[in-house]
Amino acid sequence: MGAWTGAQNTKGRAVAIGSRLPGDLVFRGRSDNDPDPTAHVAICLGGNKILEASPPRNGQSIRISDLHNHGTPYSKVRRIFG
């Protein structure tokens, strides 16, 4: 699929943010005004939780986070399977 978020952003099909399901990819941009929401990608786990990888914080580079605990909201969803 590609490791760069831009490549992942073109796979599967678009899904409304409110219709996301576990396994969907969720994307956010660098800021609220960023028209390209490919700065970061995470996997939706359900219950407003995501699985994400990023530079280590507190020794953890892969972690479960809250979907809404980021300065820039996740604004795009892609469903790869289903």
N, C-alpha and C. Protein backbone atom coordinates (compact mmCIF):
# COMPACT_ATOMS: atom_id res chain seq x y z
N MET A 1 0.83 -1.19 0.00
CA MET A 1 0.00 0.00 0.00
C MET A 1 0.87 1.25 0.00
N GLY A 2 2.05 1.21 0.54
CA GLY A 2 2.91 2.39 0.60
C GLY A 2 3.00 2.92 2.02
N ALA A 3 4.18 3.33 2.40
CA ALA A 3 4.39 3.81 3.77
C ALA A 3 4.09 5.29 3.91
N TRP A 4 4.12 6.03 2.84
CA TRP A 4 3.85 7.46 2.88
C TRP A 4 2.35 7.68 2.94
N THR A 5 1.91 8.60 3.77
CA THR A 5 0.46 8.80 3.94
C THR A 5 -0.22 9.24 2.65
N GLY A 6 0.49 9.94 1.78
CA GLY A 6 -0.11 10.36 0.51
C GLY A 6 -0.53 9.18 -0.33
N ALA A 7 0.27 8.12 -0.35
CA ALA A 7 -0.08 6.92 -1.11
C ALA A 7 -1.26 6.20 -0.46
N GLN A 8 -1.29 6.15 0.86
CA GLN A 8 -2.38 5.49 1.57
C GLN A 8 -3.70 6.24 1.39
N ASN A 9 -3.61 7.54 1.22
CA ASN A 9 -4.77 8.42 1.09
C ASN A 9 -5.54 8.18 -0.21
N THR A 10 -4.97 7.40 -1.13
CA THR A 10 -5.63 7.16 -2.42
C THR A 10 -6.21 5.75 -2.51
N LYS A 11 -5.99 4.93 -1.51
CA LYS A 11 -6.43 3.53 -1.56
C LYS A 11 -7.84 3.36 -0.99
N GLY A 12 -8.48 2.27 -1.34
CA GLY A 12 -9.81 2.00 -0.82
C GLY A 12 -10.83 3.01 -1.29
N ARG A 13 -11.79 3.29 -0.41
CA ARG A 13 -12.82 4.28 -0.77
C ARG A 13 -13.02 5.25 0.38
N ALA A 14 -13.46 6.44 0.04
CA ALA A 14 -13.71 7.47 1.05
C ALA A 14 -14.94 7.12 1.88
N VAL A 15 -14.87 7.45 3.17
CA VAL A 15 -15.97 7.22 4.10
C VAL A 15 -16.12 8.49 4.93
N ALA A 16 -17.34 8.86 5.25
CA ALA A 16 -17.57 10.04 6.10
C ALA A 16 -16.96 9.79 7.49
N ILE A 17 -16.40 10.81 8.10
CA ILE A 17 -15.76 10.67 9.40
C ILE A 17 -16.72 10.08 10.43
N GLY A 18 -17.98 10.43 10.35
CA GLY A 18 -18.97 9.90 11.29
C GLY A 18 -19.37 8.46 11.03
N SER A 19 -18.97 7.92 9.88
CA SER A 19 -19.30 6.54 9.52
C SER A 19 -18.11 5.60 9.64
N ARG A 20 -17.04 6.07 10.28
CA ARG A 20 -15.83 5.24 10.39
C ARG A 20 -16.10 3.99 11.21
N LEU A 21 -15.36 2.93 10.87
CA LEU A 21 -15.46 1.64 11.55
C LEU A 21 -14.06 1.18 11.94
N PRO A 22 -13.97 0.26 12.89
CA PRO A 22 -12.66 -0.30 13.22
C PRO A 22 -11.99 -0.85 11.96
N GLY A 23 -10.72 -0.54 11.81
CA GLY A 23 -9.96 -0.97 10.64
C GLY A 23 -9.82 0.11 9.58
N ASP A 24 -10.68 1.14 9.60
CA ASP A 24 -10.56 2.23 8.64
C ASP A 24 -9.31 3.05 8.95
N LEU A 25 -8.73 3.65 7.91
CA LEU A 25 -7.62 4.57 8.09
C LEU A 25 -8.17 5.98 8.27
N VAL A 26 -7.67 6.71 9.26
CA VAL A 26 -8.08 8.09 9.48
C VAL A 26 -6.86 8.99 9.27
N PHE A 27 -7.09 10.12 8.61
CA PHE A 27 -6.01 11.03 8.23
C PHE A 27 -6.25 12.41 8.82
N ARG A 28 -5.14 13.09 9.12
CA ARG A 28 -5.21 14.49 9.50
C ARG A 28 -4.10 15.24 8.80
N GLY A 29 -4.31 16.55 8.65
CA GLY A 29 -3.31 17.40 8.03
C GLY A 29 -2.43 18.06 9.08
N ARG A 30 -1.63 19.01 8.63
CA ARG A 30 -0.73 19.71 9.53
C ARG A 30 -1.44 20.77 10.36
N SER A 31 -2.57 21.29 9.85
CA SER A 31 -3.34 22.31 10.55
C SER A 31 -4.78 22.24 10.06
N ASP A 32 -5.66 22.94 10.75
CA ASP A 32 -7.08 22.94 10.35
C ASP A 32 -7.26 23.48 8.93
N ASN A 33 -6.36 24.34 8.47
CA ASN A 33 -6.49 24.96 7.15
C ASN A 33 -5.74 24.20 6.06
N ASP A 34 -5.17 23.06 6.39
CA ASP A 34 -4.39 22.27 5.45
C ASP A 34 -5.33 21.51 4.53
N PRO A 35 -5.32 21.80 3.21
CA PRO A 35 -6.22 21.11 2.30
C PRO A 35 -5.79 19.67 2.02
N ASP A 36 -4.57 19.31 2.40
CA ASP A 36 -4.06 17.97 2.14
C ASP A 36 -3.97 17.21 3.47
N PRO A 37 -4.98 16.38 3.79
CA PRO A 37 -5.02 15.70 5.09
C PRO A 37 -4.16 14.44 5.12
N THR A 38 -2.90 14.59 4.74
CA THR A 38 -2.05 13.41 4.69
C THR A 38 -0.80 13.55 5.55
N ALA A 39 -0.80 14.39 6.55
CA ALA A 39 0.37 14.55 7.41
C ALA A 39 0.51 13.38 8.38
N HIS A 40 -0.59 12.74 8.71
CA HIS A 40 -0.56 11.64 9.68
C HIS A 40 -1.71 10.69 9.39
N VAL A 41 -1.46 9.42 9.58
CA VAL A 41 -2.51 8.40 9.39
C VAL A 41 -2.51 7.49 10.60
N ALA A 42 -3.68 7.03 10.98
CA ALA A 42 -3.84 6.10 12.09
C ALA A 42 -4.92 5.09 11.71
N ILE A 43 -5.01 4.02 12.48
CA ILE A 43 -6.03 3.00 12.25
C ILE A 43 -7.11 3.17 13.31
N CYS A 44 -8.34 3.27 12.85
CA CYS A 44 -9.48 3.40 13.76
C CYS A 44 -9.70 2.09 14.49
N LEU A 45 -9.83 2.16 15.81
CA LEU A 45 -10.09 0.97 16.62
C LEU A 45 -11.53 0.89 17.09
N GLY A 46 -12.28 1.98 16.96
CA GLY A 46 -13.64 2.05 17.47
C GLY A 46 -13.66 2.77 18.81
N GLY A 47 -14.82 3.23 19.21
CA GLY A 47 -14.94 3.94 20.48
C GLY A 47 -14.07 5.17 20.57
N ASN A 48 -13.86 5.88 19.46
CA ASN A 48 -13.01 7.07 19.37
C ASN A 48 -11.56 6.80 19.73
N LYS A 49 -11.11 5.55 19.57
CA LYS A 49 -9.71 5.19 19.81
C LYS A 49 -9.03 4.88 18.48
N ILE A 50 -7.74 5.22 18.40
CA ILE A 50 -6.94 4.96 17.21
C ILE A 50 -5.64 4.30 17.61
N LEU A 51 -5.06 3.57 16.68
CA LEU A 51 -3.73 3.01 16.83
C LEU A 51 -2.83 3.82 15.92
N GLU A 52 -1.78 4.41 16.50
CA GLU A 52 -0.92 5.27 15.70
C GLU A 52 0.54 5.01 16.01
N ALA A 53 1.38 5.36 15.05
CA ALA A 53 2.82 5.28 15.21
C ALA A 53 3.38 6.66 14.89
N SER A 54 4.32 7.10 15.71
CA SER A 54 4.96 8.40 15.51
C SER A 54 6.25 8.41 16.31
N PRO A 55 7.00 9.49 16.23
CA PRO A 55 8.22 9.55 17.03
C PRO A 55 7.92 9.25 18.50
N PRO A 56 8.81 8.54 19.16
CA PRO A 56 8.54 8.11 20.55
C PRO A 56 8.22 9.27 21.50
N ARG A 57 7.18 9.06 22.27
CA ARG A 57 6.83 9.93 23.39
C ARG A 57 6.77 9.02 24.60
N ASN A 58 7.48 9.36 25.62
CA ASN A 58 7.52 8.50 26.82
C ASN A 58 7.96 7.08 26.46
N GLY A 59 8.85 6.96 25.46
CA GLY A 59 9.36 5.65 25.08
C GLY A 59 8.43 4.83 24.24
N GLN A 60 7.29 5.39 23.81
CA GLN A 60 6.33 4.63 23.01
C GLN A 60 6.18 5.25 21.63
N SER A 61 6.52 4.49 20.59
CA SER A 61 6.30 5.01 19.24
C SER A 61 5.02 4.46 18.63
N ILE A 62 4.51 3.37 19.15
CA ILE A 62 3.22 2.82 18.73
C ILE A 62 2.32 2.81 19.95
N ARG A 63 1.16 3.43 19.80
CA ARG A 63 0.29 3.57 20.98
C ARG A 63 -1.17 3.68 20.56
N ILE A 64 -2.03 3.46 21.53
CA ILE A 64 -3.47 3.71 21.36
C ILE A 64 -3.74 5.09 21.92
N SER A 65 -4.41 5.91 21.13
CA SER A 65 -4.71 7.29 21.51
C SER A 65 -6.19 7.58 21.30
N ASP A 66 -6.62 8.69 21.83
CA ASP A 66 -7.99 9.16 21.61
C ASP A 66 -8.04 9.90 20.28
N LEU A 67 -9.05 9.64 19.49
CA LEU A 67 -9.21 10.28 18.18
C LEU A 67 -9.22 11.80 18.28
N HIS A 68 -9.72 12.34 19.38
CA HIS A 68 -9.91 13.78 19.51
C HIS A 68 -8.83 14.47 20.34
N ASN A 69 -7.76 13.77 20.71
CA ASN A 69 -6.71 14.37 21.54
C ASN A 69 -5.57 14.97 20.74
N HIS A 70 -5.83 15.40 19.54
CA HIS A 70 -4.78 16.00 18.70
C HIS A 70 -5.18 17.44 18.40
N GLY A 71 -4.17 18.28 18.21
CA GLY A 71 -4.45 19.68 17.89
C GLY A 71 -5.21 19.84 16.58
N THR A 72 -4.88 19.00 15.62
CA THR A 72 -5.54 19.04 14.32
C THR A 72 -6.45 17.82 14.23
N PRO A 73 -7.73 18.03 13.96
CA PRO A 73 -8.65 16.89 13.93
C PRO A 73 -8.42 15.98 12.73
N TYR A 74 -8.74 14.72 12.93
CA TYR A 74 -8.74 13.79 11.82
C TYR A 74 -9.96 14.14 10.97
N SER A 75 -9.74 14.32 9.67
CA SER A 75 -10.82 14.84 8.84
C SER A 75 -11.15 13.96 7.64
N LYS A 76 -10.38 12.93 7.41
CA LYS A 76 -10.62 12.09 6.24
C LYS A 76 -10.50 10.64 6.64
N VAL A 77 -11.35 9.79 6.04
CA VAL A 77 -11.36 8.36 6.35
C VAL A 77 -11.32 7.60 5.03
N ARG A 78 -10.52 6.52 5.00
CA ARG A 78 -10.49 5.63 3.85
C ARG A 78 -10.75 4.22 4.34
N ARG A 79 -11.65 3.52 3.68
CA ARG A 79 -11.95 2.14 4.01
C ARG A 79 -11.24 1.27 2.97
N ILE A 80 -10.30 0.48 3.42
CA ILE A 80 -9.52 -0.35 2.52
C ILE A 80 -10.22 -1.69 2.25
N PHE A 81 -10.80 -2.26 3.29
CA PHE A 81 -11.49 -3.55 3.16
C PHE A 81 -12.97 -3.37 3.48
N GLY A 82 -13.82 -4.14 2.82
CA GLY A 82 -15.24 -4.13 3.17
C GLY A 82 -16.09 -3.18 2.41
